[in-house]
């Protein structure tokens, strides 16, 4: 492929979450495959800029959350053949609509990551924005990548799947399987981090701020209070940080879980494999359908860890039910407690799920295979369409 690719994304590591991390790996893998590429992201105050990769941090005007209108974006994009837009990215998507209308020869790939949701006034604003603009950018896009058709069919994209079925393709988020892998020294890792080999450790990884209210930490804590009655040696590790952390710590204290729950704070990706590997079960009990994939669940399974996820469209696809983990009813602390107890008390089941999960993630979500599929998608943009007879 001799076409150039511009990646437009609302955030970048270390602040990017799942969206930013996926764009980071996409950029690295495209560059590794000798594709001329560059990422464009807002220049947030205090963000350490990565000078080792072709990333342009553009000033953002009137930012909306982690988005906004990026100055100079139009001029930069004129140098590229394919524009790969991670959505939602309010503000920049309007810039791309105008750009595509003026440059129809440029190929636009819309990478739909999640439904934008919120609470209160923000929820109303998001719904209005989607109603006004999503249909237009879907119509203008040459390809629409979804993390799974399961999620797309239950998302804001649902009506457009019927209107433009030829545009939609599955392309999930990827996992660095060289970083996230079994380490085979579980007891040593536990000793270094002051855990006992008798501990039954549950791990959660996710944002603890208001923006990530849907991660389900309150439900998890409520469920874990029930778990420790059946499994006294159970421990819960929570990795992440944000403005809701103190509230969650208070809830843990109120539930009498001071000695059973440890809040570890935010960690870089490079540190996470140690914690996946010293744990017994990973859990992501999302309370809203906006959890479209759950990259941390895939990372955990890549490390050989069985996973429990909420049975929302999209995120449930990261776990093969009863083969690599379990699904839990959203917002149901009793069901979550039962599923956790089931895995914590059955080591052979955990091992079977963990081995199958590692194999499945390598097959479906490794960057080695995903980037080849993406290059095929890009190449298909230039294959002349034929009229149906």
Protein backbone atom coordinates (compact mmCIF):
# COMPACT_ATOMS: atom_id res chain seq x y z
CA UNK A 1 0.00 0.00 0.00
CA UNK A 2 1.43 3.39 -1.01
CA UNK A 3 -1.24 5.63 0.51
CA UNK A 4 -0.65 7.89 3.52
CA UNK A 5 -2.82 7.75 6.65
CA UNK A 6 -3.76 10.46 9.15
CA UNK A 7 -5.11 9.27 12.51
CA UNK A 8 -7.38 11.79 14.26
CA UNK A 9 -8.08 10.93 17.90
CA UNK A 10 -9.41 12.83 20.92
CA UNK A 11 -6.68 11.78 23.36
CA UNK A 12 -3.24 10.22 23.54
CA UNK A 13 -1.35 8.21 26.15
CA UNK A 14 -0.92 8.60 29.03
CA UNK A 15 -4.35 10.29 29.11
CA UNK A 16 -6.03 8.44 26.29
CA UNK A 17 -7.64 5.43 27.94
CA UNK A 18 -8.63 2.61 25.60
CA UNK A 19 -9.17 4.89 22.60
CA UNK A 20 -5.84 6.66 22.91
CA UNK A 21 -3.94 3.44 23.53
CA UNK A 22 -5.45 1.79 20.46
CA UNK A 23 -4.57 4.76 18.27
CA UNK A 24 -1.03 4.67 19.68
CA UNK A 25 -0.54 1.03 18.68
CA UNK A 26 -2.19 1.59 15.31
CA UNK A 27 0.31 4.37 14.59
CA UNK A 28 3.25 2.21 15.67
CA UNK A 29 2.15 -0.77 13.58
CA UNK A 30 1.46 1.30 10.46
CA UNK A 31 4.90 2.90 10.74
CA UNK A 32 6.44 -0.55 11.24
CA UNK A 33 4.79 -1.61 7.98
CA UNK A 34 6.41 1.36 6.17
CA UNK A 35 3.12 3.31 5.85
CA UNK A 36 3.45 7.09 5.85
CA UNK A 37 1.32 8.04 8.83
CA UNK A 38 0.84 10.67 11.52
CA UNK A 39 -1.54 11.05 14.47
CA UNK A 40 -3.29 14.33 15.31
CA UNK A 41 -4.54 14.92 18.84
CA UNK A 42 -5.30 17.95 21.05
CA UNK A 43 -2.39 19.48 22.96
CA UNK A 44 -3.70 19.35 26.51
CA UNK A 45 -1.92 21.38 29.15
CA UNK A 46 0.57 19.24 31.07
CA UNK A 47 0.53 16.32 28.62
CA UNK A 48 3.97 14.84 28.07
CA UNK A 49 4.46 14.78 24.32
CA UNK A 50 5.84 11.61 22.73
CA UNK A 51 8.58 12.71 20.34
CA UNK A 52 9.53 9.17 19.34
CA UNK A 53 6.46 8.78 17.11
CA UNK A 54 4.95 10.95 14.34
CA UNK A 55 2.35 12.68 16.53
CA UNK A 56 1.17 16.28 16.11
CA UNK A 57 -0.32 17.90 19.21
CA UNK A 58 -2.57 20.68 17.91
CA UNK A 59 -4.02 23.51 20.01
CA UNK A 60 -7.69 22.81 20.80
CA UNK A 61 -10.26 25.63 20.66
CA UNK A 62 -13.34 25.41 22.90
CA UNK A 63 -12.57 21.87 24.05
CA UNK A 64 -15.56 19.64 24.83
CA UNK A 65 -14.38 17.12 27.39
CA UNK A 66 -11.25 15.64 25.82
CA UNK A 67 -12.23 16.94 22.41
CA UNK A 68 -12.52 20.26 20.59
CA UNK A 69 -11.73 22.05 17.36
CA UNK A 70 -8.05 21.62 16.52
CA UNK A 71 -6.34 24.59 14.91
CA UNK A 72 -4.46 23.81 11.71
CA UNK A 73 -6.07 20.39 11.26
CA UNK A 74 -7.43 21.07 7.76
CA UNK A 75 -4.03 22.19 6.47
CA UNK A 76 -2.36 19.08 7.94
CA UNK A 77 -4.92 16.64 6.53
CA UNK A 78 -4.53 17.89 2.98
CA UNK A 79 -1.21 16.01 2.88
CA UNK A 80 -2.83 12.59 3.47
CA UNK A 81 -4.87 10.17 1.38
CA UNK A 82 -6.81 8.42 4.15
CA UNK A 83 -8.24 10.04 7.27
CA UNK A 84 -8.87 7.59 10.12
CA UNK A 85 -11.15 9.28 12.68
CA UNK A 86 -11.71 7.76 16.13
CA UNK A 87 -15.24 8.64 17.23
CA UNK A 88 -16.63 10.12 19.42
CA UNK A 89 -14.53 13.24 18.95
CA UNK A 90 -16.90 16.19 19.20
CA UNK A 91 -15.61 19.23 17.34
CA UNK A 92 -13.05 17.47 15.20
CA UNK A 93 -15.82 15.44 13.57
CA UNK A 94 -17.42 18.68 12.39
CA UNK A 95 -14.08 19.71 10.95
CA UNK A 96 -13.90 16.38 9.13
CA UNK A 97 -17.43 16.77 7.73
CA UNK A 98 -16.45 20.10 6.20
CA UNK A 99 -13.12 18.71 5.02
CA UNK A 100 -14.72 15.70 3.31
CA UNK A 101 -17.30 17.88 1.55
CA UNK A 102 -14.48 20.01 0.15
CA UNK A 103 -12.19 17.06 -0.61
CA UNK A 104 -14.39 14.13 -1.72
CA UNK A 105 -11.33 12.41 -3.19
CA UNK A 106 -9.91 11.90 0.32
CA UNK A 107 -10.98 8.65 1.96
CA UNK A 108 -12.64 8.92 5.37
CA UNK A 109 -12.65 5.94 7.76
CA UNK A 110 -14.95 6.42 10.75
CA UNK A 111 -13.79 4.26 13.67
CA UNK A 112 -16.77 4.03 16.02
CA UNK A 113 -15.56 3.32 19.53
CA UNK A 114 -18.58 3.88 21.76
CA UNK A 115 -21.88 5.65 22.23
CA UNK A 116 -21.29 8.99 23.95
CA UNK A 117 -23.35 9.06 27.15
CA UNK A 118 -23.45 11.17 30.25
CA UNK A 119 -25.62 12.16 33.18
CA UNK A 120 -27.95 15.12 33.57
CA UNK A 121 -27.52 17.98 31.11
CA UNK A 122 -24.51 16.32 29.50
CA UNK A 123 -26.63 13.31 28.52
CA UNK A 124 -29.15 15.60 26.80
CA UNK A 125 -26.37 17.49 24.96
CA UNK A 126 -24.81 14.22 23.74
CA UNK A 127 -28.12 12.91 22.42
CA UNK A 128 -28.78 16.17 20.57
CA UNK A 129 -25.29 16.19 19.07
CA UNK A 130 -25.68 12.62 17.85
CA UNK A 131 -29.07 13.39 16.34
CA UNK A 132 -27.72 16.43 14.49
CA UNK A 133 -24.38 15.17 13.19
CA UNK A 134 -23.86 11.40 13.37
CA UNK A 135 -26.00 10.66 10.33
CA UNK A 136 -24.10 13.16 8.18
CA UNK A 137 -20.63 11.84 9.01
CA UNK A 138 -21.82 8.23 8.52
CA UNK A 139 -23.14 9.20 5.10
CA UNK A 140 -19.84 10.86 4.14
CA UNK A 141 -17.59 8.09 5.49
CA UNK A 142 -16.15 5.61 3.00
CA UNK A 143 -15.82 2.87 5.63
CA UNK A 144 -17.18 2.54 9.17
CA UNK A 145 -15.19 0.33 11.52
CA UNK A 146 -17.01 -1.09 14.54
CA UNK A 147 -15.52 -2.99 17.45
CA UNK A 148 -18.19 -5.65 16.97
CA UNK A 149 -21.42 -5.92 15.04
CA UNK A 150 -22.99 -7.00 18.33
CA UNK A 151 -22.32 -3.55 19.75
CA UNK A 152 -23.14 -1.67 16.55
CA UNK A 153 -26.58 -3.28 16.32
CA UNK A 154 -27.42 -1.96 19.80
CA UNK A 155 -25.80 1.46 19.44
CA UNK A 156 -26.61 4.81 17.84
CA UNK A 157 -25.34 3.25 14.61
CA UNK A 158 -28.18 0.74 14.45
CA UNK A 159 -30.39 2.54 11.86
CA UNK A 160 -27.39 3.19 9.60
CA UNK A 161 -26.44 -0.50 9.42
CA UNK A 162 -29.55 -1.00 7.31
CA UNK A 163 -29.00 2.11 5.19
CA UNK A 164 -25.30 1.53 4.38
CA UNK A 165 -24.53 -2.16 5.08
CA UNK A 166 -21.64 -2.15 2.58
CA UNK A 167 -19.73 0.43 4.64
CA UNK A 168 -19.57 -1.49 7.91
CA UNK A 169 -16.69 -3.76 8.93
CA UNK A 170 -15.62 -5.25 12.25
CA UNK A 171 -12.20 -4.15 13.46
CA UNK A 172 -11.77 -4.56 17.23
CA UNK A 173 -9.28 -2.84 19.46
CA UNK A 174 -5.94 -4.60 19.73
CA UNK A 175 -3.74 -6.06 22.45
CA UNK A 176 0.05 -6.01 22.61
CA UNK A 177 0.47 -9.76 23.17
CA UNK A 178 4.23 -9.36 23.56
CA UNK A 179 3.64 -7.15 26.60
CA UNK A 180 0.51 -8.80 27.96
CA UNK A 181 1.42 -12.46 28.42
CA UNK A 182 1.71 -15.10 31.18
CA UNK A 183 4.81 -14.58 33.33
CA UNK A 184 4.74 -17.95 35.16
CA UNK A 185 6.13 -16.57 38.44
CA UNK A 186 2.88 -15.83 40.28
CA UNK A 187 4.10 -16.65 43.78
CA UNK A 188 7.21 -14.52 43.37
CA UNK A 189 5.16 -11.57 42.11
CA UNK A 190 2.83 -11.92 45.07
CA UNK A 191 5.67 -11.99 47.57
CA UNK A 192 7.22 -8.87 46.04
CA UNK A 193 3.89 -7.06 46.39
CA UNK A 194 3.14 -8.34 49.93
CA UNK A 195 0.43 -10.88 49.12
CA UNK A 196 0.14 -14.44 50.34
CA UNK A 197 -0.02 -17.47 48.09
CA UNK A 198 -3.27 -18.32 49.91
CA UNK A 199 -4.94 -15.04 48.85
CA UNK A 200 -7.66 -15.27 46.19
CA UNK A 201 -7.16 -12.05 44.25
CA UNK A 202 -9.74 -10.25 42.12
CA UNK A 203 -8.50 -7.44 39.89
CA UNK A 204 -10.34 -4.42 38.44
CA UNK A 205 -8.72 -1.86 36.10
CA UNK A 206 -10.55 1.30 35.05
CA UNK A 207 -11.10 5.03 35.48
CA UNK A 208 -12.36 6.21 38.86
CA UNK A 209 -13.63 9.58 37.68
CA UNK A 210 -17.13 10.87 36.94
CA UNK A 211 -16.57 10.44 33.21
CA UNK A 212 -16.22 6.68 33.80
CA UNK A 213 -19.23 6.35 36.09
CA UNK A 214 -20.33 3.30 34.08
CA UNK A 215 -17.38 1.09 35.14
CA UNK A 216 -19.41 -0.38 38.00
CA UNK A 217 -17.12 0.06 41.02
CA UNK A 218 -20.00 0.59 43.52
CA UNK A 219 -21.66 -2.64 42.35
CA UNK A 220 -18.32 -4.46 42.55
CA UNK A 221 -17.74 -3.33 46.14
CA UNK A 222 -21.26 -4.34 47.13
CA UNK A 223 -20.72 -7.76 45.56
CA UNK A 224 -17.29 -8.19 47.14
CA UNK A 225 -18.73 -7.73 50.62
CA UNK A 226 -20.75 -10.88 49.90
CA UNK A 227 -17.73 -12.66 48.39
CA UNK A 228 -15.55 -12.37 51.51
CA UNK A 229 -18.23 -14.10 53.58
CA UNK A 230 -17.80 -17.21 51.41
CA UNK A 231 -14.10 -16.75 50.60
CA UNK A 232 -12.46 -15.05 53.63
CA UNK A 233 -9.03 -14.97 51.97
CA UNK A 234 -10.41 -12.97 48.99
CA UNK A 235 -8.72 -9.68 48.13
CA UNK A 236 -9.84 -7.00 45.66
CA UNK A 237 -7.29 -4.83 43.86
CA UNK A 238 -8.52 -1.67 42.13
CA UNK A 239 -6.16 -0.03 39.63
CA UNK A 240 -7.15 3.44 38.45
CA UNK A 241 -7.61 6.96 39.70
CA UNK A 242 -9.96 9.92 39.44
CA UNK A 243 -12.21 12.30 41.31
CA UNK A 244 -14.51 9.50 42.51
CA UNK A 245 -11.76 7.48 44.19
CA UNK A 246 -12.29 8.92 47.68
CA UNK A 247 -15.99 8.12 47.47
CA UNK A 248 -15.24 4.51 46.50
CA UNK A 249 -12.67 4.21 49.31
CA UNK A 250 -15.33 5.45 51.72
CA UNK A 251 -17.80 2.87 50.43
CA UNK A 252 -15.25 0.11 50.99
CA UNK A 253 -14.74 1.27 54.59
CA UNK A 254 -18.49 1.45 55.21
CA UNK A 255 -18.82 -2.14 53.96
CA UNK A 256 -16.12 -3.32 56.37
CA UNK A 257 -13.65 -4.08 53.57
CA UNK A 258 -10.67 -2.07 54.82
CA UNK A 259 -8.38 -5.12 54.89
CA UNK A 260 -9.81 -6.81 51.78
CA UNK A 261 -9.72 -3.96 49.22
CA UNK A 262 -6.60 -2.15 48.08
CA UNK A 263 -6.71 0.94 45.82
CA UNK A 264 -3.46 0.98 43.85
CA UNK A 265 -3.89 4.19 41.84
CA UNK A 266 -3.14 4.85 38.18
CA UNK A 267 -0.46 2.77 36.43
CA UNK A 268 1.28 2.83 33.08
CA UNK A 269 0.49 0.05 30.62
CA UNK A 270 3.96 -1.41 31.09
CA UNK A 271 3.22 -2.08 34.78
CA UNK A 272 -0.12 -3.83 34.29
CA UNK A 273 1.09 -7.32 33.26
CA UNK A 274 2.56 -7.89 36.75
CA UNK A 275 -0.83 -7.25 38.37
CA UNK A 276 -2.75 -9.34 35.85
CA UNK A 277 -0.33 -12.20 36.47
CA UNK A 278 -0.46 -12.17 40.28
CA UNK A 279 -4.28 -12.12 40.28
CA UNK A 280 -6.76 -14.99 40.03
CA UNK A 281 -9.79 -13.36 38.36
CA UNK A 282 -10.34 -10.18 36.37
CA UNK A 283 -13.69 -8.34 36.58
CA UNK A 284 -15.30 -5.53 34.56
CA UNK A 285 -18.89 -5.10 35.87
CA UNK A 286 -19.98 -2.21 33.61
CA UNK A 287 -23.35 -0.69 34.42
CA UNK A 288 -24.08 1.00 31.07
CA UNK A 289 -24.00 -0.17 27.45
CA UNK A 290 -21.40 2.46 26.56
CA UNK A 291 -18.74 -0.15 27.50
CA UNK A 292 -18.34 -1.21 23.88
CA UNK A 293 -15.25 -3.43 24.13
CA UNK A 294 -13.28 -3.48 27.38
CA UNK A 295 -9.64 -3.62 26.32
CA UNK A 296 -8.57 -4.40 29.90
CA UNK A 297 -10.61 -7.62 29.80
CA UNK A 298 -8.73 -8.66 26.65
CA UNK A 299 -5.37 -7.71 28.21
CA UNK A 300 -6.17 -9.76 31.29
CA UNK A 301 -7.03 -12.81 29.20
CA UNK A 302 -3.84 -12.34 27.18
CA UNK A 303 -2.04 -12.82 30.50
CA UNK A 304 -3.92 -16.07 31.10
CA UNK A 305 -6.47 -14.63 33.53
CA UNK A 306 -10.15 -15.66 33.43
CA UNK A 307 -12.49 -12.69 33.12
CA UNK A 308 -15.97 -11.73 34.26
CA UNK A 309 -17.67 -8.95 32.28
CA UNK A 310 -21.16 -7.45 32.22
CA UNK A 311 -23.32 -8.94 29.49
CA UNK A 312 -23.69 -5.74 27.47
CA UNK A 313 -23.50 -5.89 23.66
CA UNK A 314 -19.90 -5.42 22.64
CA UNK A 315 -17.99 -5.94 25.87
CA UNK A 316 -19.39 -9.47 26.20
CA UNK A 317 -17.69 -10.34 22.90
CA UNK A 318 -14.29 -10.07 24.59
CA UNK A 319 -15.16 -13.11 26.71
CA UNK A 320 -16.21 -16.45 25.24
CA UNK A 321 -18.96 -17.50 27.64
CA UNK A 322 -18.04 -20.59 29.70
CA UNK A 323 -14.80 -20.97 27.71
CA UNK A 324 -12.63 -18.00 28.69
CA UNK A 325 -14.80 -16.49 31.43
CA UNK A 326 -18.30 -15.59 32.57
CA UNK A 327 -20.92 -12.94 31.89
CA UNK A 328 -22.73 -11.16 34.72
CA UNK A 329 -26.07 -9.37 34.72
CA UNK A 330 -25.43 -5.59 34.74
CA UNK A 331 -26.08 -3.81 38.05
CA UNK A 332 -26.68 -7.14 39.84
CA UNK A 333 -24.39 -7.43 42.88
CA UNK A 334 -25.80 -10.82 43.85
CA UNK A 335 -25.11 -12.34 40.44
CA UNK A 336 -21.63 -10.81 40.40
CA UNK A 337 -20.87 -12.23 43.86
CA UNK A 338 -21.98 -15.71 42.78
CA UNK A 339 -19.82 -15.60 39.62
CA UNK A 340 -16.78 -14.41 41.57
CA UNK A 341 -17.23 -17.13 44.18
CA UNK A 342 -17.60 -19.73 41.43
CA UNK A 343 -14.20 -18.88 39.95
CA UNK A 344 -12.39 -18.18 43.22
CA UNK A 345 -13.30 -21.61 44.54
CA UNK A 346 -12.49 -23.61 41.39
CA UNK A 347 -8.80 -23.44 40.46
CA UNK A 348 -9.06 -25.97 37.62
CA UNK A 349 -11.84 -23.94 35.99
CA UNK A 350 -9.72 -20.79 36.28
CA UNK A 351 -6.79 -22.52 34.62
CA UNK A 352 -8.93 -23.85 31.78
CA UNK A 353 -10.51 -20.45 31.15
CA UNK A 354 -7.12 -18.73 31.36
CA UNK A 355 -5.44 -20.98 28.81
CA UNK A 356 -8.33 -20.66 26.37
CA UNK A 357 -8.41 -16.89 26.85
CA UNK A 358 -4.73 -16.47 26.01
CA UNK A 359 -5.17 -18.45 22.78
CA UNK A 360 -8.33 -16.57 21.78
CA UNK A 361 -6.86 -13.10 22.35
CA UNK A 362 -3.78 -14.02 20.30
CA UNK A 363 -6.00 -15.16 17.45
CA UNK A 364 -8.54 -12.31 17.45
CA UNK A 365 -6.92 -9.24 19.01
CA UNK A 366 -3.15 -9.38 18.47
CA UNK A 367 -1.74 -6.43 16.56
CA UNK A 368 0.12 -8.75 14.18
CA UNK A 369 -3.16 -9.95 12.71
CA UNK A 370 -5.18 -6.75 13.17
CA UNK A 371 -2.82 -4.52 11.22
CA UNK A 372 -2.91 -6.85 8.21
CA UNK A 373 -6.69 -6.70 8.26
CA UNK A 374 -6.57 -2.91 8.47
CA UNK A 375 -4.25 -2.66 5.48
CA UNK A 376 -6.69 -4.82 3.51
CA UNK A 377 -9.48 -2.42 4.51
CA UNK A 378 -7.45 0.58 3.37
CA UNK A 379 -6.65 -1.11 0.06
CA UNK A 380 -10.33 -1.87 -0.50
CA UNK A 381 -11.03 1.86 -0.54
CA UNK A 382 -9.36 2.02 -3.96
CA UNK A 383 -10.98 -1.04 -5.54
CA UNK A 384 -13.49 0.16 -8.18
CA UNK A 385 -17.03 -0.74 -7.25
CA UNK A 386 -19.02 -2.82 -9.72
CA UNK A 387 -22.67 -2.39 -10.40
CA UNK A 388 -24.93 -5.24 -9.39
CA UNK A 389 -26.51 -7.02 -12.33
